[in-house]
Amino acid sequence: MSEPADRYLVLCVDRDDDLGVKAKVPTPVVGRDAVLSAATKLALSDPEEADANAMFAAITKYDELAKAGTPCEVAVVCGEENRGFEADRRIGKQIGNVLGSSVFTGVVLVSDGGEDEQVVPIIQSMKPIVSVQRVAVKHSQTVEETYQVLGRYLRMLVFDPHYSRWALGVPGLILVLAGLLIVAGQVVVAELAILLILGGAFLIRGFNVDRTVAGLLQRGGTGYMRLFTMGVSGLVVIVGLVSGYIAMVTGSPQGVNAVSSNPSALLVYGAVLAGYFIGGSASSPGSILLVFGGIAIYSTGGLLTHILRDSPRWKRDGFVLVLLAILYLPVWTFSNFLKSGSAEYTYLLISYILAGLATIFILTSAIYPRVRTRVTTTSESE
């Protein structure tokens, strides 16, 4: 018997659901005639819509494969208007429904680029992507049409909430706050506020904090708990760093003054300052306790969240808590060694390191056989 021929799914993804919002077409849309009808409705509702061009390109790709004798099918899936977690979850469900309706070897992704290609990991978790075709809409290079394209993107920055909050919201907040502070005669404070707002906006967007928070809020109780522990741990770590700085200033004021006046003095006083920053002084605690405590709060929140969600990632958070407990005494002893240089702390540091290595070895020897047995049992059952 001959093996069945490979069959491919030509897939077009509309992450912000322009097809549903503008053309009122429910998804997923499967089949050449259905996709052609949906693309036509979208093009008629908005002739400048790039997703319509991507859908027509998907039909063209389907025709090319079919003409070459390659078994295939074409489909369109959509997310949500606000994008984010809900959009990706809806796309995953629709792709799963399409792939479950028939047997496909792989996926040919047709995209207009941009955010639509952010769903590539979702698709690859279900079926391999064998080809990606990007659709670029051609524009005339005349000055008039260039201004039209520019005006279109400017309107997007102004009226699309996904972009306007960063393009207009953050600068607007900076201008209003700076204006009020300047009127009040606080020019230096205004400059500091501008730096803090810009830095905060860059950090939030750069590390995807806004979408992470939105995803946590979608999870309900476990998400709120995770968000709370993240906020508390961040505050505790910040307080710990401030406490370490105060301990460094009070413990070695001579070193702080020397480094402030001559940065090259850091080579002389750097070890002592680091020791006071970590371990603290007689009058002020260092940063180690609060920083380790903040990390422990964060890991505890992750541990409880993953246990409640029955996720195997709880083992990672548990390992972090054990590692913090093992590292605390060696780090504290190392800070005392930096401050005093005493041989007593050297011997203590070596003994703590050896004890920590022994603890890690014992835990690894006890846990690894169980994990290996569980993996072997799971493989045999499959």
Protein backbone atom coordinates (compact mmCIF):
# COMPACT_ATOMS: atom_id res chain seq x y z
CA MET A 1 0.00 0.00 0.00
CA SER A 2 1.22 3.49 -0.80
CA GLU A 3 1.38 6.05 1.97
CA PRO A 4 -1.21 8.87 1.85
CA ALA A 5 0.05 12.08 0.27
CA ASP A 6 0.95 15.01 2.49
CA ARG A 7 -1.85 17.54 2.95
CA TYR A 8 -1.20 21.15 3.91
CA LEU A 9 -3.28 23.92 5.45
CA VAL A 10 -2.85 27.38 3.90
CA LEU A 11 -3.60 29.59 6.89
CA CYS A 12 -4.23 33.34 7.09
CA VAL A 13 -4.35 34.94 10.57
CA ASP A 14 -6.14 38.20 11.43
CA ARG A 15 -5.07 38.84 15.03
CA ASP A 16 -7.15 41.99 15.64
CA ASP A 17 -10.32 40.51 14.04
CA ASP A 18 -10.80 43.09 11.28
CA LEU A 19 -12.81 40.45 9.43
CA GLY A 20 -15.32 40.18 12.25
CA VAL A 21 -15.40 43.85 13.22
CA LYS A 22 -15.57 45.40 9.75
CA ALA A 23 -17.15 42.68 7.61
CA LYS A 24 -19.18 40.89 10.34
CA VAL A 25 -17.90 37.49 9.16
CA PRO A 26 -17.63 34.79 11.87
CA THR A 27 -14.50 32.66 11.95
CA PRO A 28 -12.90 30.25 11.35
CA VAL A 29 -13.54 30.45 7.60
CA VAL A 30 -12.57 27.22 5.79
CA GLY A 31 -12.60 26.51 2.05
CA ARG A 32 -11.66 28.49 -1.04
CA ASP A 33 -15.14 29.81 -1.81
CA ALA A 34 -15.81 30.80 1.80
CA VAL A 35 -12.44 32.57 2.14
CA LEU A 36 -12.94 34.35 -1.19
CA SER A 37 -16.38 35.57 -0.09
CA ALA A 38 -15.02 36.75 3.28
CA ALA A 39 -12.05 38.54 1.68
CA THR A 40 -14.38 40.28 -0.78
CA LYS A 41 -16.66 41.49 2.03
CA LEU A 42 -13.67 42.81 3.99
CA ALA A 43 -12.22 44.56 0.92
CA LEU A 44 -15.60 46.20 0.22
CA SER A 45 -15.99 47.35 3.82
CA ASP A 46 -12.45 48.78 3.91
CA PRO A 47 -10.55 48.87 0.58
CA GLU A 48 -7.34 49.87 2.40
CA GLU A 49 -7.38 46.89 4.77
CA ALA A 50 -4.13 44.90 4.56
CA ASP A 51 -5.74 41.72 5.92
CA ALA A 52 -7.96 41.54 2.83
CA ASN A 53 -4.83 41.44 0.66
CA ALA A 54 -3.41 38.68 2.87
CA MET A 55 -6.60 36.64 2.43
CA PHE A 56 -6.49 37.03 -1.34
CA ALA A 57 -2.81 36.00 -1.22
CA ALA A 58 -3.79 32.90 0.77
CA ILE A 59 -6.28 31.97 -1.96
CA THR A 60 -3.59 32.49 -4.61
CA LYS A 61 -1.19 30.26 -2.67
CA TYR A 62 -3.91 27.63 -2.36
CA ASP A 63 -4.50 27.72 -6.11
CA GLU A 64 -0.77 27.37 -6.79
CA LEU A 65 -0.48 24.30 -4.56
CA ALA A 66 -3.65 22.74 -5.94
CA LYS A 67 -2.47 23.32 -9.53
CA ALA A 68 0.82 21.61 -8.68
CA GLY A 69 -1.11 18.59 -7.42
CA THR A 70 -0.45 19.17 -3.71
CA PRO A 71 -3.44 18.31 -1.49
CA CYS A 72 -4.29 21.38 0.58
CA GLU A 73 -6.99 23.48 2.20
CA VAL A 74 -7.25 27.21 2.91
CA ALA A 75 -8.61 28.83 6.08
CA VAL A 76 -8.77 32.14 7.94
CA VAL A 77 -8.77 32.51 11.75
CA CYS A 78 -9.22 35.67 13.81
CA GLY A 79 -8.38 36.91 17.30
CA GLU A 80 -9.90 39.80 19.25
CA GLU A 81 -10.09 43.52 18.49
CA ASN A 82 -7.99 44.42 21.54
CA ARG A 83 -5.33 41.79 20.69
CA GLY A 84 -3.41 40.44 23.69
CA PHE A 85 -4.08 37.27 25.65
CA GLU A 86 -7.72 36.80 24.65
CA ALA A 87 -6.89 37.21 20.96
CA ASP A 88 -4.15 34.58 21.10
CA ARG A 89 -6.35 32.18 23.07
CA ARG A 90 -9.18 32.53 20.54
CA ILE A 91 -6.75 32.02 17.64
CA GLY A 92 -5.42 28.87 19.30
CA LYS A 93 -8.93 27.44 19.68
CA GLN A 94 -9.87 28.21 16.07
CA ILE A 95 -6.66 26.72 14.69
CA GLY A 96 -7.27 23.62 16.79
CA ASN A 97 -10.79 23.30 15.37
CA VAL A 98 -9.55 23.63 11.78
CA LEU A 99 -6.69 21.17 12.25
CA GLY A 100 -9.04 18.73 14.00
CA SER A 101 -11.44 18.70 11.05
CA SER A 102 -8.95 16.85 8.82
CA VAL A 103 -5.44 15.39 8.74
CA PHE A 104 -2.76 17.95 7.85
CA THR A 105 0.97 17.44 7.55
CA GLY A 106 1.92 21.08 8.06
CA VAL A 107 0.86 24.71 7.77
CA VAL A 108 1.65 27.31 5.12
CA LEU A 109 1.29 30.66 6.88
CA VAL A 110 0.28 33.69 4.80
CA SER A 111 0.67 36.98 6.69
CA ASP A 112 0.88 40.69 6.11
CA GLY A 113 3.60 40.79 8.76
CA GLY A 114 3.37 42.89 11.93
CA GLU A 115 1.44 41.45 14.84
CA ASP A 116 -0.13 38.59 12.90
CA GLU A 117 3.19 36.71 12.94
CA GLN A 118 3.23 36.76 16.76
CA VAL A 119 1.00 33.68 16.62
CA VAL A 120 3.76 31.57 15.04
CA PRO A 121 4.56 29.79 18.36
CA ILE A 122 0.86 28.94 18.78
CA ILE A 123 0.74 27.32 15.34
CA GLN A 124 4.03 25.49 15.79
CA SER A 125 2.76 23.96 19.04
CA MET A 126 0.08 22.20 16.96
CA LYS A 127 1.59 21.61 13.52
CA PRO A 128 4.94 22.45 11.90
CA ILE A 129 5.04 25.57 9.71
CA VAL A 130 6.56 24.45 6.41
CA SER A 131 6.43 27.85 4.68
CA VAL A 132 5.75 31.51 5.46
CA GLN A 133 4.62 33.99 2.80
CA ARG A 134 4.60 37.68 3.68
CA VAL A 135 2.31 40.03 1.78
CA ALA A 136 3.53 43.60 1.20
CA VAL A 137 1.04 46.10 -0.22
CA LYS A 138 2.62 48.17 -3.00
CA HIS A 139 2.29 51.96 -2.90
CA SER A 140 3.14 54.58 -5.46
CA GLN A 141 6.12 56.71 -4.53
CA THR A 142 4.53 60.02 -5.53
CA VAL A 143 4.58 62.73 -2.90
CA GLU A 144 0.79 62.87 -2.70
CA GLU A 145 0.34 59.18 -2.01
CA THR A 146 3.25 59.18 0.43
CA TYR A 147 1.44 61.82 2.48
CA GLN A 148 -1.75 59.76 2.29
CA VAL A 149 0.02 56.72 3.71
CA LEU A 150 1.65 58.88 6.39
CA GLY A 151 -1.71 60.40 7.28
CA ARG A 152 -3.23 56.93 7.61
CA TYR A 153 -0.61 55.87 10.13
CA LEU A 154 -0.93 59.15 12.02
CA ARG A 155 -4.68 58.53 12.34
CA MET A 156 -3.87 55.05 13.62
CA LEU A 157 -1.61 56.56 16.30
CA VAL A 158 -4.36 58.99 17.32
CA PHE A 159 -7.52 56.85 17.20
CA ASP A 160 -6.33 53.28 17.77
CA PRO A 161 -6.25 52.72 21.58
CA HIS A 162 -3.55 50.10 21.18
CA TYR A 163 -1.11 52.76 19.92
CA SER A 164 -2.54 56.06 21.20
CA ARG A 165 -1.93 55.21 24.86
CA TRP A 166 1.81 55.20 24.17
CA ALA A 167 2.04 57.73 21.32
CA LEU A 168 -0.19 60.35 23.00
CA GLY A 169 -0.94 59.22 26.56
CA VAL A 170 2.61 59.11 27.90
CA PRO A 171 3.77 62.40 26.26
CA GLY A 172 0.53 64.06 27.40
CA LEU A 173 1.14 63.00 31.00
CA ILE A 174 4.71 64.28 30.82
CA LEU A 175 3.65 67.69 29.44
CA VAL A 176 0.84 68.19 31.97
CA LEU A 177 2.94 67.19 34.98
CA ALA A 178 5.99 69.16 33.81
CA GLY A 179 3.83 72.23 33.18
CA LEU A 180 2.31 72.11 36.66
CA LEU A 181 5.70 71.69 38.32
CA ILE A 182 7.26 74.51 36.31
CA VAL A 183 4.40 76.84 37.26
CA ALA A 184 5.03 75.87 40.88
CA GLY A 185 8.71 76.73 40.45
CA GLN A 186 9.91 73.11 40.75
CA VAL A 187 12.04 72.94 37.61
CA VAL A 188 14.42 70.30 38.98
CA VAL A 189 11.50 68.16 40.12
CA ALA A 190 9.92 68.54 36.66
CA GLU A 191 13.09 67.24 34.99
CA LEU A 192 13.20 64.31 37.41
CA ALA A 193 9.51 63.54 36.79
CA ILE A 194 10.06 63.50 33.01
CA LEU A 195 12.94 61.05 33.39
CA LEU A 196 10.94 58.80 35.72
CA ILE A 197 7.85 58.72 33.49
CA LEU A 198 9.86 58.06 30.33
CA GLY A 199 11.93 55.40 32.06
CA GLY A 200 8.82 53.75 33.49
CA ALA A 201 7.07 53.76 30.09
CA PHE A 202 10.13 52.27 28.38
CA LEU A 203 10.45 49.57 31.06
CA ILE A 204 6.75 48.66 30.95
CA ARG A 205 6.64 48.37 27.17
CA GLY A 206 10.14 46.93 26.79
CA PHE A 207 9.55 44.10 29.26
CA ASN A 208 5.90 43.61 28.20
CA VAL A 209 4.68 44.42 31.72
CA ASP A 210 1.27 45.71 30.59
CA ARG A 211 0.40 42.53 28.69
CA THR A 212 1.77 40.37 31.48
CA VAL A 213 -0.48 42.13 34.00
CA ALA A 214 -3.47 41.84 31.66
CA GLY A 215 -2.79 38.12 31.24
CA LEU A 216 -2.59 37.65 35.02
CA LEU A 217 -5.88 39.48 35.56
CA GLN A 218 -7.55 37.15 33.05
CA ARG A 219 -6.70 34.17 35.25
CA GLY A 220 -8.91 35.25 38.13
CA GLY A 221 -7.90 34.40 41.71
CA THR A 222 -4.50 32.88 40.96
CA GLY A 223 -3.66 35.82 38.71
CA TYR A 224 -4.52 38.35 41.43
CA MET A 225 -2.42 36.43 43.94
CA ARG A 226 0.51 36.30 41.51
CA LEU A 227 0.20 40.03 40.78
CA PHE A 228 0.04 40.87 44.49
CA THR A 229 3.16 38.84 45.35
CA MET A 230 5.02 40.38 42.40
CA GLY A 231 4.20 43.91 43.62
CA VAL A 232 5.11 43.13 47.24
CA SER A 233 8.36 41.43 46.27
CA GLY A 234 9.33 44.39 44.09
CA LEU A 235 8.73 46.84 46.95
CA VAL A 236 10.66 44.67 49.42
CA VAL A 237 13.64 44.41 47.06
CA ILE A 238 13.65 48.21 46.53
CA VAL A 239 13.57 48.79 50.30
CA GLY A 240 16.40 46.27 50.65
CA LEU A 241 18.56 48.12 48.11
CA VAL A 242 17.91 51.44 49.88
CA SER A 243 18.73 49.82 53.22
CA GLY A 244 21.97 48.49 51.76
CA TYR A 245 22.94 51.95 50.52
CA ILE A 246 22.25 53.48 53.95
CA ALA A 247 24.31 50.75 55.62
CA MET A 248 27.16 51.42 53.19
CA VAL A 249 27.11 55.16 53.95
CA THR A 250 26.94 54.72 57.73
CA GLY A 251 29.38 51.81 57.86
CA SER A 252 32.14 53.31 55.72
CA PRO A 253 31.62 57.06 55.30
CA GLN A 254 35.30 57.52 54.53
CA GLY A 255 35.09 55.08 51.62
CA VAL A 256 31.89 56.69 50.25
CA ASN A 257 33.45 60.17 50.39
CA ALA A 258 36.66 58.94 48.77
CA VAL A 259 34.83 57.25 45.89
CA SER A 260 32.52 60.26 45.43
CA SER A 261 35.48 62.61 45.04
CA ASN A 262 37.69 60.18 43.11
CA PRO A 263 36.02 57.23 41.29
CA SER A 264 39.37 55.45 40.96
CA ALA A 265 39.29 54.96 44.76
CA LEU A 266 36.67 52.27 44.12
CA LEU A 267 39.56 49.88 43.55
CA VAL A 268 40.64 50.48 47.17
CA TYR A 269 37.30 50.77 48.96
CA GLY A 270 35.08 48.74 46.61
CA ALA A 271 35.28 45.47 48.56
CA VAL A 272 34.52 47.15 51.90
CA LEU A 273 31.61 49.14 50.46
CA ALA A 274 30.17 45.98 48.88
CA GLY A 275 30.47 44.19 52.22
CA TYR A 276 28.53 46.90 54.06
CA PHE A 277 25.97 47.11 51.23
CA ILE A 278 25.26 43.37 51.45
CA GLY A 279 25.73 42.61 55.15
CA GLY A 280 25.01 45.98 56.75
CA SER A 281 26.62 47.78 59.65
CA ALA A 282 26.06 47.89 63.40
CA SER A 283 23.45 50.66 63.08
CA SER A 284 21.78 49.69 59.79
CA PRO A 285 20.88 46.32 58.23
CA GLY A 286 22.22 45.53 54.80
CA SER A 287 20.39 44.52 51.67
CA ILE A 288 20.78 40.74 51.86
CA LEU A 289 17.83 39.95 54.16
CA LEU A 290 15.26 42.09 52.34
CA VAL A 291 16.51 41.26 48.83
CA PHE A 292 16.46 37.53 49.58
CA GLY A 293 13.08 38.00 51.27
CA GLY A 294 11.68 39.78 48.20
CA ILE A 295 12.87 37.01 45.89
CA ALA A 296 11.41 34.43 48.30
CA ILE A 297 8.02 36.22 48.27
CA TYR A 298 8.03 36.22 44.46
CA SER A 299 8.94 32.53 44.30
CA THR A 300 6.37 31.64 46.97
CA GLY A 301 3.66 33.38 44.95
CA GLY A 302 4.71 31.43 41.86
CA LEU A 303 4.83 28.19 43.87
CA LEU A 304 1.27 28.61 45.21
CA THR A 305 -0.06 29.74 41.83
CA HIS A 306 1.41 26.76 39.98
CA ILE A 307 0.20 24.32 42.66
CA LEU A 308 -3.35 25.71 42.42
CA ARG A 309 -3.19 25.48 38.62
CA ASP A 310 -1.70 21.97 38.82
CA SER A 311 1.31 23.11 36.80
CA PRO A 312 4.67 21.26 36.99
CA ARG A 313 6.46 24.62 37.16
CA TRP A 314 6.03 24.62 40.96
CA LYS A 315 9.22 22.55 41.12
CA ARG A 316 11.22 25.45 39.68
CA ASP A 317 9.91 27.88 42.32
CA GLY A 318 10.52 25.33 45.07
CA PHE A 319 14.11 24.92 43.87
CA VAL A 320 14.59 28.72 44.00
CA LEU A 321 13.40 28.80 47.64
CA VAL A 322 15.77 25.97 48.58
CA LEU A 323 18.61 27.70 46.75
CA LEU A 324 17.94 30.97 48.62
CA ALA A 325 18.08 29.14 51.94
CA ILE A 326 21.36 27.47 50.98
CA LEU A 327 22.98 30.69 49.70
CA TYR A 328 22.00 33.00 52.56
CA LEU A 329 24.74 32.07 55.04
CA PRO A 330 27.57 31.93 52.43
CA VAL A 331 26.60 35.36 51.05
CA TRP A 332 26.31 36.87 54.54
CA THR A 333 29.66 35.40 55.55
CA PHE A 334 31.22 36.67 52.32
CA SER A 335 30.02 40.20 53.12
CA ASN A 336 31.66 40.02 56.56
CA PHE A 337 34.86 38.79 54.94
CA LEU A 338 34.81 41.79 52.57
CA LYS A 339 34.40 44.16 55.52
CA SER A 340 37.05 42.69 57.80
CA GLY A 341 39.24 40.37 55.73
CA SER A 342 39.45 38.10 58.77
CA ALA A 343 40.64 34.50 58.30
CA GLU A 344 37.79 33.40 60.61
CA TYR A 345 35.21 34.38 58.01
CA THR A 346 37.29 32.69 55.32
CA TYR A 347 37.03 29.34 57.11
CA LEU A 348 33.31 29.89 57.76
CA LEU A 349 32.73 30.75 54.10
CA ILE A 350 34.48 27.60 52.93
CA SER A 351 32.52 25.45 55.39
CA TYR A 352 29.19 26.99 54.34
CA ILE A 353 29.99 26.46 50.66
CA LEU A 354 30.87 22.81 51.29
CA ALA A 355 27.68 22.35 53.34
CA GLY A 356 25.63 23.95 50.55
CA LEU A 357 27.18 21.70 47.91
CA ALA A 358 26.49 18.66 50.09
CA THR A 359 22.86 19.71 50.53
CA ILE A 360 22.42 20.19 46.80
CA PHE A 361 24.01 16.79 46.14
CA ILE A 362 21.72 15.06 48.65
CA LEU A 363 18.58 16.74 47.25
CA THR A 364 19.60 15.90 43.70
CA SER A 365 20.32 12.28 44.61
CA ALA A 366 16.92 11.98 46.30
CA ILE A 367 14.79 13.76 43.69
CA TYR A 368 16.38 12.72 40.39
CA PRO A 369 15.52 8.97 40.60
CA ARG A 370 11.85 9.84 41.29
CA VAL A 371 11.69 12.27 38.37
CA ARG A 372 13.38 9.75 36.08
CA THR A 373 11.00 6.99 37.16
CA ARG A 374 8.00 9.25 36.59
CA VAL A 375 9.22 10.21 33.12
CA THR A 376 9.84 6.56 32.22
CA THR A 377 6.38 5.56 33.46
CA THR A 378 4.75 8.36 31.47
CA SER A 379 6.63 7.36 28.31
CA GLU A 380 5.61 3.71 28.69
CA SER A 381 1.94 4.63 29.23
CA GLU A 382 1.96 6.74 26.08
